[in-house]
Amino acid sequence: MSNELYAVVGHPINHSKSPKIHSQFAQQTGEPIEYTAVQAPLEGFAATVHQFFKGGGKGLNVTVPFKEQAWELADCRAVRAEKAGAANTLYQNQEGQLVADNTDGHGLVRDLLANHGVQLKGAHILVLGAGGAVRGVLGPVLEQQPASLTIANRTVAKAEALTTLFADEAGAATLSACGFDEPDQPFDVIINGTSASLQGDLPPLCANVITAGTVVYDMMYSLQTTTFNQWALDNGALRVFDGLGMLIEQAAESFRVWRGVRPETAPVIDAMRND
C-alpha cells in the first residue's frame, strides 16, 4: 500500500515541527501517510494548494501567514472554522470540494483540560490579544462554559469586535473587552494569544490579575520559559504552560479529521519536549 501525501504549508516553513509530529502519529497508528513541508510563495498560496491536491495530495495543514487565505479559498467550512475566520486544516470531500477546518481551539482546550487538568467551566478567564490566534480559539473556550471571558487588547475596538462576533456563543458567560492596562482584578486562567513573548516583550498588564491560584497559558512555545510565563511566575502564578501541547493536540485533531483515527498525544509531547 503506497503512502498518501499530507503536508504543512507556510512561509517560512523550515522551522515547522509538523512533519516530525505527524511522522510520529503515523508510526504510532500504522496509518500509511507521508507528511512533508511546503513553502508557498507569499503571492502564490492558492496556486500551491491547487497544485498539491491536483497532484493527489490528501490534506494540508496551514500556518502563518496563510490561515486567513485558506479560509477564503475553501468551498465550504466546518462549523468551528466559520467564525474563526481562519483555517489550519484543508482537505477535499467526496464531491471534490475544498473543506476548511480549524483545530487550533480544540488543541488549546484539550491541552488545558486533558493534559494539565485545568478547569475552564465556571472560571474567570482573561485572554490577551484580538488577532487571528485568539479569534481561532474563542469558540472552543466558550463551549467550556466559563463564568466570564475578558478579551484585552492594545486596540480595544478589535477586542470589542470579537465580543460582538461571539456574543451568541457566550451562553451565561459574561463577555467583555478592554485595554491591556485596565484589568486589575484576579483571574483563574490567563491565556496569552499575543506574539509579544517571542520578542521578549510584555503587554502592560497590572500584576493584580495574578493570584496564587492563577493558571497562565502562553500560546507561544519555547525551549525556555517564555517571557510572559516568567513574568507570571515572578508575580506568583500557580502554574504556567506554553503552547507545545496545543501544537500537538491541534495536529492530532487534524490527523483525526483526515484519517478517522486519533493518535495518542502524550508520548509525542514528551518526545518533542525532550527533542
C-alpha atoms as a PDB file:
ATOM      1  CA  MET A   1       0.000   0.000   0.000  1.00  0.00           C
ATOM      2  CA  SER A   2       1.542   3.310  -1.030  1.00  0.00           C
ATOM      3  CA  ASN A   3       1.635   6.213   1.379  1.00  0.00           C
ATOM      4  CA  GLU A   4      -0.872   9.056   0.999  1.00  0.00           C
ATOM      5  CA  LEU A   5       0.533  12.562   0.923  1.00  0.00           C
ATOM      6  CA  TYR A   6      -0.073  15.281   3.521  1.00  0.00           C
ATOM      7  CA  ALA A   7       1.859  18.473   4.199  1.00  0.00           C
ATOM      8  CA  VAL A   8       2.066  21.729   6.101  1.00  0.00           C
ATOM      9  CA  VAL A   9       2.220  24.884   4.005  1.00  0.00           C
ATOM     10  CA  GLY A  10       3.546  28.246   5.183  1.00  0.00           C
ATOM     11  CA  HIS A  11       6.194  30.928   4.610  1.00  0.00           C
ATOM     12  CA  PRO A  12       8.755  30.425   6.043  1.00  0.00           C
ATOM     13  CA  ILE A  13       8.316  26.747   6.828  1.00  0.00           C
ATOM     14  CA  ASN A  14      11.728  25.245   7.622  1.00  0.00           C
ATOM     15  CA  HIS A  15      11.172  25.722  11.375  1.00  0.00           C
ATOM     16  CA  SER A  16       7.931  23.693  11.401  1.00  0.00           C
ATOM     17  CA  LYS A  17       7.652  20.787  13.825  1.00  0.00           C
ATOM     18  CA  SER A  18       4.602  19.404  11.999  1.00  0.00           C
ATOM     19  CA  PRO A  19       6.426  16.835   9.800  1.00  0.00           C
ATOM     20  CA  LYS A  20       8.089  15.330  12.875  1.00  0.00           C
ATOM     21  CA  ILE A  21       4.799  15.308  14.833  1.00  0.00           C
ATOM     22  CA  HIS A  22       2.758  13.673  12.063  1.00  0.00           C
ATOM     23  CA  SER A  23       5.510  11.159  11.326  1.00  0.00           C
ATOM     24  CA  GLN A  24       5.254  10.037  14.962  1.00  0.00           C
ATOM     25  CA  PHE A  25       1.459   9.843  14.660  1.00  0.00           C
ATOM     26  CA  ALA A  26       1.795   7.689  11.515  1.00  0.00           C
ATOM     27  CA  GLN A  27       4.304   5.385  13.167  1.00  0.00           C
ATOM     28  CA  GLN A  28       2.107   5.028  16.234  1.00  0.00           C
ATOM     29  CA  THR A  29      -1.165   4.366  14.383  1.00  0.00           C
ATOM     30  CA  GLY A  30       0.182   2.469  11.374  1.00  0.00           C
ATOM     31  CA  GLU A  31      -1.569   4.896   9.033  1.00  0.00           C
ATOM     32  CA  PRO A  32       0.133   4.918   5.597  1.00  0.00           C
ATOM     33  CA  ILE A  33       0.934   8.603   5.292  1.00  0.00           C
ATOM     34  CA  GLU A  34       3.867  10.708   4.164  1.00  0.00           C
ATOM     35  CA  TYR A  35       3.950  14.221   5.605  1.00  0.00           C
ATOM     36  CA  THR A  36       6.186  16.975   4.254  1.00  0.00           C
ATOM     37  CA  ALA A  37       6.622  20.761   4.499  1.00  0.00           C
ATOM     38  CA  VAL A  38       5.843  23.059   1.575  1.00  0.00           C
ATOM     39  CA  GLN A  39       6.953  26.697   1.396  1.00  0.00           C
ATOM     40  CA  ALA A  40       4.450  28.634  -0.707  1.00  0.00           C
ATOM     41  CA  PRO A  41       5.408  31.956  -2.325  1.00  0.00           C
ATOM     42  CA  LEU A  42       3.796  34.848  -0.471  1.00  0.00           C
ATOM     43  CA  GLU A  43       1.752  35.656  -3.573  1.00  0.00           C
ATOM     44  CA  GLY A  44       1.216  32.020  -4.584  1.00  0.00           C
ATOM     45  CA  PHE A  45      -0.700  30.290  -1.802  1.00  0.00           C
ATOM     46  CA  ALA A  46      -3.830  29.413  -3.813  1.00  0.00           C
ATOM     47  CA  ALA A  47      -1.775  28.021  -6.696  1.00  0.00           C
ATOM     48  CA  THR A  48       0.273  25.918  -4.263  1.00  0.00           C
ATOM     49  CA  VAL A  49      -2.881  24.457  -2.696  1.00  0.00           C
ATOM     50  CA  HIS A  50      -4.491  23.638  -6.035  1.00  0.00           C
ATOM     51  CA  GLN A  51      -1.286  22.042  -7.304  1.00  0.00           C
ATOM     52  CA  PHE A  52      -0.977  19.936  -4.144  1.00  0.00           C
ATOM     53  CA  PHE A  53      -4.473  18.459  -4.416  1.00  0.00           C
ATOM     54  CA  LYS A  54      -4.287  18.124  -8.184  1.00  0.00           C
ATOM     55  CA  GLY A  55      -1.156  16.049  -7.660  1.00  0.00           C
ATOM     56  CA  GLY A  56      -3.014  13.620  -5.404  1.00  0.00           C
ATOM     57  CA  GLY A  57      -2.402  15.242  -2.019  1.00  0.00           C
ATOM     58  CA  LYS A  58      -4.939  14.307   0.673  1.00  0.00           C
ATOM     59  CA  GLY A  59      -4.682  17.017   3.295  1.00  0.00           C
ATOM     60  CA  LEU A  60      -2.888  20.213   4.243  1.00  0.00           C
ATOM     61  CA  ASN A  61      -2.109  21.966   7.474  1.00  0.00           C
ATOM     62  CA  VAL A  62      -1.776  25.721   7.038  1.00  0.00           C
ATOM     63  CA  THR A  63       0.386  28.021   9.125  1.00  0.00           C
ATOM     64  CA  VAL A  64       1.318  31.704   9.037  1.00  0.00           C
ATOM     65  CA  PRO A  65       0.772  33.797   7.039  1.00  0.00           C
ATOM     66  CA  PHE A  66      -1.829  31.833   5.061  1.00  0.00           C
ATOM     67  CA  LYS A  67      -4.560  30.813   7.548  1.00  0.00           C
ATOM     68  CA  GLU A  68      -6.967  33.567   6.501  1.00  0.00           C
ATOM     69  CA  GLN A  69      -6.332  32.838   2.802  1.00  0.00           C
ATOM     70  CA  ALA A  70      -7.036  29.149   3.416  1.00  0.00           C
ATOM     71  CA  TRP A  71     -10.381  30.088   4.965  1.00  0.00           C
ATOM     72  CA  GLU A  72     -11.274  32.292   1.983  1.00  0.00           C
ATOM     73  CA  LEU A  73     -10.148  29.710  -0.564  1.00  0.00           C
ATOM     74  CA  ALA A  74     -12.381  26.914   0.737  1.00  0.00           C
ATOM     75  CA  ASP A  75     -15.622  25.872  -0.951  1.00  0.00           C
ATOM     76  CA  CYS A  76     -17.132  25.004   2.431  1.00  0.00           C
ATOM     77  CA  ARG A  77     -16.112  25.241   6.084  1.00  0.00           C
ATOM     78  CA  ALA A  78     -16.525  23.213   9.231  1.00  0.00           C
ATOM     79  CA  VAL A  79     -18.694  24.945  11.846  1.00  0.00           C
ATOM     80  CA  ARG A  80     -15.728  25.632  14.119  1.00  0.00           C
ATOM     81  CA  ALA A  81     -13.827  27.252  11.237  1.00  0.00           C
ATOM     82  CA  GLU A  82     -16.650  29.571  10.215  1.00  0.00           C
ATOM     83  CA  LYS A  83     -16.311  32.217  12.929  1.00  0.00           C
ATOM     84  CA  ALA A  84     -12.601  31.645  13.372  1.00  0.00           C
ATOM     85  CA  GLY A  85     -12.060  33.476  10.087  1.00  0.00           C
ATOM     86  CA  ALA A  86      -9.014  31.293   9.546  1.00  0.00           C
ATOM     87  CA  ALA A  87      -8.265  27.665   8.734  1.00  0.00           C
ATOM     88  CA  ASN A  88      -5.316  25.477   9.671  1.00  0.00           C
ATOM     89  CA  THR A  89      -6.651  22.282   8.049  1.00  0.00           C
ATOM     90  CA  LEU A  90      -7.690  21.654   4.444  1.00  0.00           C
ATOM     91  CA  TYR A  91      -8.957  18.547   2.668  1.00  0.00           C
ATOM     92  CA  GLN A  92     -11.267  17.575  -0.187  1.00  0.00           C
ATOM     93  CA  ASN A  93     -14.629  15.967   0.477  1.00  0.00           C
ATOM     94  CA  GLN A  94     -16.184  13.207  -1.641  1.00  0.00           C
ATOM     95  CA  GLU A  95     -17.572  15.814  -4.057  1.00  0.00           C
ATOM     96  CA  GLY A  96     -14.096  17.221  -4.612  1.00  0.00           C
ATOM     97  CA  GLN A  97     -14.879  20.432  -2.714  1.00  0.00           C
ATOM     98  CA  LEU A  98     -12.119  22.069  -0.685  1.00  0.00           C
ATOM     99  CA  VAL A  99     -13.118  21.966   3.001  1.00  0.00           C
ATOM    100  CA  ALA A 100     -11.576  24.256   5.642  1.00  0.00           C
ATOM    101  CA  ASP A 101     -11.378  23.357   9.320  1.00  0.00           C
ATOM    102  CA  ASN A 102      -9.756  24.983  12.328  1.00  0.00           C
ATOM    103  CA  THR A 103      -8.382  22.687  15.023  1.00  0.00           C
ATOM    104  CA  ASP A 104      -6.436  25.329  16.987  1.00  0.00           C
ATOM    105  CA  GLY A 105      -9.129  25.970  19.597  1.00  0.00           C
ATOM    106  CA  HIS A 106      -9.689  22.256  20.069  1.00  0.00           C
ATOM    107  CA  GLY A 107      -5.942  21.873  20.590  1.00  0.00           C
ATOM    108  CA  LEU A 108      -5.782  24.610  23.214  1.00  0.00           C
ATOM    109  CA  VAL A 109      -8.792  23.366  25.176  1.00  0.00           C
ATOM    110  CA  ARG A 110      -7.712  19.727  25.065  1.00  0.00           C
ATOM    111  CA  ASP A 111      -4.210  20.630  26.253  1.00  0.00           C
ATOM    112  CA  LEU A 112      -5.612  22.580  29.193  1.00  0.00           C
ATOM    113  CA  LEU A 113      -8.252  20.008  30.168  1.00  0.00           C
ATOM    114  CA  ALA A 114      -6.739  16.626  29.320  1.00  0.00           C
ATOM    115  CA  ASN A 115      -3.013  17.253  29.739  1.00  0.00           C
ATOM    116  CA  HIS A 116      -2.952  19.799  32.554  1.00  0.00           C
ATOM    117  CA  GLY A 117      -6.241  19.241  34.417  1.00  0.00           C
ATOM    118  CA  VAL A 118      -7.205  22.921  34.221  1.00  0.00           C
ATOM    119  CA  GLN A 119     -10.877  23.629  34.909  1.00  0.00           C
ATOM    120  CA  LEU A 120     -12.445  26.095  32.470  1.00  0.00           C
ATOM    121  CA  LYS A 121     -16.103  25.613  33.420  1.00  0.00           C
ATOM    122  CA  GLY A 122     -17.092  28.382  35.812  1.00  0.00           C
ATOM    123  CA  ALA A 123     -13.657  30.003  35.540  1.00  0.00           C
ATOM    124  CA  HIS A 124     -12.929  33.700  35.125  1.00  0.00           C
ATOM    125  CA  ILE A 125     -10.703  33.841  32.042  1.00  0.00           C
ATOM    126  CA  LEU A 126      -8.557  36.667  30.668  1.00  0.00           C
ATOM    127  CA  VAL A 127      -7.476  36.363  27.024  1.00  0.00           C
ATOM    128  CA  LEU A 128      -4.730  38.667  25.750  1.00  0.00           C
ATOM    129  CA  GLY A 129      -4.792  39.750  22.117  1.00  0.00           C
ATOM    130  CA  ALA A 130      -7.503  40.058  19.471  1.00  0.00           C
ATOM    131  CA  GLY A 131      -5.761  38.751  16.361  1.00  0.00           C
ATOM    132  CA  GLY A 132      -6.297  35.596  14.356  1.00  0.00           C
ATOM    133  CA  ALA A 133      -4.799  33.308  17.002  1.00  0.00           C
ATOM    134  CA  VAL A 134      -7.330  34.468  19.586  1.00  0.00           C
ATOM    135  CA  ARG A 135     -10.257  34.526  17.179  1.00  0.00           C
ATOM    136  CA  GLY A 136      -9.499  30.913  16.315  1.00  0.00           C
ATOM    137  CA  VAL A 137      -9.789  29.668  19.905  1.00  0.00           C
ATOM    138  CA  LEU A 138     -12.637  31.723  21.404  1.00  0.00           C
ATOM    139  CA  GLY A 139     -15.441  29.404  20.260  1.00  0.00           C
ATOM    140  CA  PRO A 140     -13.997  26.238  21.838  1.00  0.00           C
ATOM    141  CA  VAL A 141     -13.075  28.121  25.041  1.00  0.00           C
ATOM    142  CA  LEU A 142     -16.629  29.493  25.372  1.00  0.00           C
ATOM    143  CA  GLU A 143     -18.030  25.983  24.828  1.00  0.00           C
ATOM    144  CA  GLN A 144     -16.465  25.088  28.177  1.00  0.00           C
ATOM    145  CA  GLN A 145     -18.914  27.472  29.915  1.00  0.00           C
ATOM    146  CA  PRO A 146     -16.604  29.827  31.819  1.00  0.00           C
ATOM    147  CA  ALA A 147     -18.189  32.307  34.232  1.00  0.00           C
ATOM    148  CA  SER A 148     -16.585  35.192  32.361  1.00  0.00           C
ATOM    149  CA  LEU A 149     -14.217  35.826  29.489  1.00  0.00           C
ATOM    150  CA  THR A 150     -12.424  39.158  29.169  1.00  0.00           C
ATOM    151  CA  ILE A 151     -10.539  39.993  25.969  1.00  0.00           C
ATOM    152  CA  ALA A 152      -7.789  42.568  26.494  1.00  0.00           C
ATOM    153  CA  ASN A 153      -6.009  44.156  23.551  1.00  0.00           C
ATOM    154  CA  ARG A 154      -3.919  47.210  22.753  1.00  0.00           C
ATOM    155  CA  THR A 155      -6.638  48.361  20.315  1.00  0.00           C
ATOM    156  CA  VAL A 156      -9.823  47.976  22.344  1.00  0.00           C
ATOM    157  CA  ALA A 157     -12.068  48.220  19.276  1.00  0.00           C
ATOM    158  CA  LYS A 158     -10.621  44.941  17.949  1.00  0.00           C
ATOM    159  CA  ALA A 159     -11.391  43.203  21.234  1.00  0.00           C
ATOM    160  CA  GLU A 160     -14.906  44.685  21.213  1.00  0.00           C
ATOM    161  CA  ALA A 161     -15.446  43.349  17.682  1.00  0.00           C
ATOM    162  CA  LEU A 162     -14.674  39.832  18.935  1.00  0.00           C
ATOM    163  CA  THR A 163     -17.124  40.132  21.831  1.00  0.00           C
ATOM    164  CA  THR A 164     -19.805  41.092  19.305  1.00  0.00           C
ATOM    165  CA  LEU A 165     -18.876  38.246  16.950  1.00  0.00           C
ATOM    166  CA  PHE A 166     -19.005  35.602  19.686  1.00  0.00           C
ATOM    167  CA  ALA A 167     -21.873  37.044  21.752  1.00  0.00           C
ATOM    168  CA  ASP A 168     -24.287  34.274  20.740  1.00  0.00           C
ATOM    169  CA  GLU A 169     -21.776  31.609  21.844  1.00  0.00           C
ATOM    170  CA  ALA A 170     -21.135  33.115  25.273  1.00  0.00           C
ATOM    171  CA  GLY A 171     -24.156  31.475  26.918  1.00  0.00           C
ATOM    172  CA  ALA A 172     -24.264  32.521  30.570  1.00  0.00           C
ATOM    173  CA  ALA A 173     -20.657  33.762  30.467  1.00  0.00           C
ATOM    174  CA  THR A 174     -20.009  37.475  30.836  1.00  0.00           C
ATOM    175  CA  LEU A 175     -18.099  38.545  27.714  1.00  0.00           C
ATOM    176  CA  SER A 176     -16.208  41.848  27.830  1.00  0.00           C
ATOM    177  CA  ALA A 177     -13.395  43.796  26.170  1.00  0.00           C
ATOM    178  CA  CYS A 178     -10.804  46.253  27.472  1.00  0.00           C
ATOM    179  CA  GLY A 179      -7.266  47.571  27.047  1.00  0.00           C
ATOM    180  CA  PHE A 180      -4.235  45.709  28.399  1.00  0.00           C
ATOM    181  CA  ASP A 181      -3.793  48.069  31.329  1.00  0.00           C
ATOM    182  CA  GLU A 182      -7.414  48.011  32.503  1.00  0.00           C
ATOM    183  CA  PRO A 183      -7.981  44.688  34.323  1.00  0.00           C
ATOM    184  CA  ASP A 184      -6.882  44.885  37.968  1.00  0.00           C
ATOM    185  CA  GLN A 185      -8.900  42.008  39.429  1.00  0.00           C
ATOM    186  CA  PRO A 186      -7.641  38.409  39.722  1.00  0.00           C
ATOM    187  CA  PHE A 187      -8.419  35.762  37.085  1.00  0.00           C
ATOM    188  CA  ASP A 188      -8.456  31.975  37.346  1.00  0.00           C
ATOM    189  CA  VAL A 189      -6.961  31.430  33.883  1.00  0.00           C
ATOM    190  CA  ILE A 190      -4.954  33.818  31.698  1.00  0.00           C
ATOM    191  CA  ILE A 191      -4.294  32.902  28.051  1.00  0.00           C
ATOM    192  CA  ASN A 192      -1.690  34.919  26.162  1.00  0.00           C
ATOM    193  CA  GLY A 193      -2.617  34.982  22.477  1.00  0.00           C
ATOM    194  CA  THR A 194      -0.179  37.748  21.538  1.00  0.00           C
ATOM    195  CA  SER A 195       3.211  37.037  19.967  1.00  0.00           C
ATOM    196  CA  ALA A 196       4.924  39.626  22.187  1.00  0.00           C
ATOM    197  CA  SER A 197       6.535  36.866  24.240  1.00  0.00           C
ATOM    198  CA  LEU A 198       8.616  35.754  21.253  1.00  0.00           C
ATOM    199  CA  GLN A 199      10.213  39.196  21.046  1.00  0.00           C
ATOM    200  CA  GLY A 200      10.782  39.309  24.784  1.00  0.00           C
ATOM    201  CA  ASP A 201       8.045  41.920  25.226  1.00  0.00           C
ATOM    202  CA  LEU A 202       5.163  42.009  27.673  1.00  0.00           C
ATOM    203  CA  PRO A 203       1.683  43.535  27.427  1.00  0.00           C
ATOM    204  CA  PRO A 204       1.347  46.336  30.029  1.00  0.00           C
ATOM    205  CA  LEU A 205      -0.694  44.255  32.486  1.00  0.00           C
ATOM    206  CA  CYS A 206      -1.376  45.033  36.117  1.00  0.00           C
ATOM    207  CA  ALA A 207       0.113  42.288  38.327  1.00  0.00           C
ATOM    208  CA  ASN A 208      -3.173  42.129  40.274  1.00  0.00           C
ATOM    209  CA  VAL A 209      -4.595  39.853  37.553  1.00  0.00           C
ATOM    210  CA  ILE A 210      -2.473  37.054  39.051  1.00  0.00           C
ATOM    211  CA  THR A 211      -3.002  35.376  42.410  1.00  0.00           C
ATOM    212  CA  ALA A 212      -1.630  32.197  43.958  1.00  0.00           C
ATOM    213  CA  GLY A 213      -4.442  30.267  42.234  1.00  0.00           C
ATOM    214  CA  THR A 214      -3.977  31.618  38.692  1.00  0.00           C
ATOM    215  CA  VAL A 215      -3.060  29.302  35.815  1.00  0.00           C
ATOM    216  CA  VAL A 216      -1.277  31.005  32.901  1.00  0.00           C
ATOM    217  CA  TYR A 217      -1.056  29.655  29.347  1.00  0.00           C
ATOM    218  CA  ASP A 218       1.148  31.187  26.662  1.00  0.00           C
ATOM    219  CA  MET A 219       0.053  30.030  23.192  1.00  0.00           C
ATOM    220  CA  MET A 220       3.653  30.504  22.029  1.00  0.00           C
ATOM    221  CA  TYR A 221       6.126  27.726  22.788  1.00  0.00           C
ATOM    222  CA  SER A 222       9.808  27.844  23.564  1.00  0.00           C
ATOM    223  CA  LEU A 223      12.618  25.632  24.824  1.00  0.00           C
ATOM    224  CA  GLN A 224      12.957  28.074  27.719  1.00  0.00           C
ATOM    225  CA  THR A 225      10.203  29.575  29.849  1.00  0.00           C
ATOM    226  CA  THR A 226       8.531  32.233  27.706  1.00  0.00           C
ATOM    227  CA  THR A 227       8.877  35.869  28.735  1.00  0.00           C
ATOM    228  CA  PHE A 228       5.185  36.054  29.608  1.00  0.00           C
ATOM    229  CA  ASN A 229       5.218  32.869  31.674  1.00  0.00           C
ATOM    230  CA  GLN A 230       8.305  34.047  33.561  1.00  0.00           C
ATOM    231  CA  TRP A 231       6.513  37.303  34.382  1.00  0.00           C
ATOM    232  CA  ALA A 232       3.545  35.276  35.641  1.00  0.00           C
ATOM    233  CA  LEU A 233       5.770  33.094  37.841  1.00  0.00           C
ATOM    234  CA  ASP A 234       7.545  36.174  39.204  1.00  0.00           C
ATOM    235  CA  ASN A 235       4.132  37.514  40.221  1.00  0.00           C
ATOM    236  CA  GLY A 236       3.041  34.335  41.998  1.00  0.00           C
ATOM    237  CA  ALA A 237       1.072  32.317  39.424  1.00  0.00           C
ATOM    238  CA  LEU A 238       0.158  28.789  40.479  1.00  0.00           C
ATOM    239  CA  ARG A 239       1.191  27.086  37.214  1.00  0.00           C
ATOM    240  CA  VAL A 240       2.333  28.174  33.747  1.00  0.00           C
ATOM    241  CA  PHE A 241       2.246  26.291  30.448  1.00  0.00           C
ATOM    242  CA  ASP A 242       3.443  27.048  26.937  1.00  0.00           C
ATOM    243  CA  GLY A 243       1.788  26.160  23.637  1.00  0.00           C
ATOM    244  CA  LEU A 244       3.699  22.996  22.684  1.00  0.00           C
ATOM    245  CA  GLY A 245       0.819  20.803  23.857  1.00  0.00           C
ATOM    246  CA  MET A 246      -1.624  22.926  21.881  1.00  0.00           C
ATOM    247  CA  LEU A 247       0.522  22.492  18.763  1.00  0.00           C
ATOM    248  CA  ILE A 248       0.499  18.714  19.125  1.00  0.00           C
ATOM    249  CA  GLU A 249      -3.176  18.480  20.104  1.00  0.00           C
ATOM    250  CA  GLN A 250      -4.295  20.556  17.103  1.00  0.00           C
ATOM    251  CA  ALA A 251      -2.145  18.313  14.900  1.00  0.00           C
ATOM    252  CA  ALA A 252      -3.773  15.213  16.393  1.00  0.00           C
ATOM    253  CA  GLU A 253      -7.212  16.642  15.673  1.00  0.00           C
ATOM    254  CA  SER A 254      -6.225  17.354  12.053  1.00  0.00           C
ATOM    255  CA  PHE A 255      -4.957  13.767  11.818  1.00  0.00           C
ATOM    256  CA  ARG A 256      -8.328  12.526  13.140  1.00  0.00           C
ATOM    257  CA  VAL A 257     -10.242  14.698  10.650  1.00  0.00           C
ATOM    258  CA  TRP A 258      -8.197  13.274   7.778  1.00  0.00           C
ATOM    259  CA  ARG A 259      -7.753   9.647   8.821  1.00  0.00           C
ATOM    260  CA  GLY A 260     -10.594   8.927  11.285  1.00  0.00           C
ATOM    261  CA  VAL A 261      -8.015   7.837  13.873  1.00  0.00           C
ATOM    262  CA  ARG A 262      -6.975   9.789  16.969  1.00  0.00           C
ATOM    263  CA  PRO A 263      -3.309   9.331  17.865  1.00  0.00           C
ATOM    264  CA  GLU A 264      -2.050   9.340  21.450  1.00  0.00           C
ATOM    265  CA  THR A 265      -0.533  12.737  22.127  1.00  0.00           C
ATOM    266  CA  ALA A 266       1.246  12.252  25.466  1.00  0.00           C
ATOM    267  CA  PRO A 267       4.248  10.302  24.096  1.00  0.00           C
ATOM    268  CA  VAL A 268       4.633  12.804  21.247  1.00  0.00           C
ATOM    269  CA  ILE A 269       4.537  15.761  23.643  1.00  0.00           C
ATOM    270  CA  ASP A 270       7.227  14.083  25.762  1.00  0.00           C
ATOM    271  CA  ALA A 271       9.378  13.342  22.717  1.00  0.00           C
ATOM    272  CA  MET A 272       9.074  16.879  21.313  1.00  0.00           C
ATOM    273  CA  ARG A 273       9.729  18.466  24.714  1.00  0.00           C
ATOM    274  CA  ASN A 274      12.947  16.497  25.027  1.00  0.00           C
ATOM    275  CA  ASP A 275      13.980  16.839  21.372  1.00  0.00           C
END
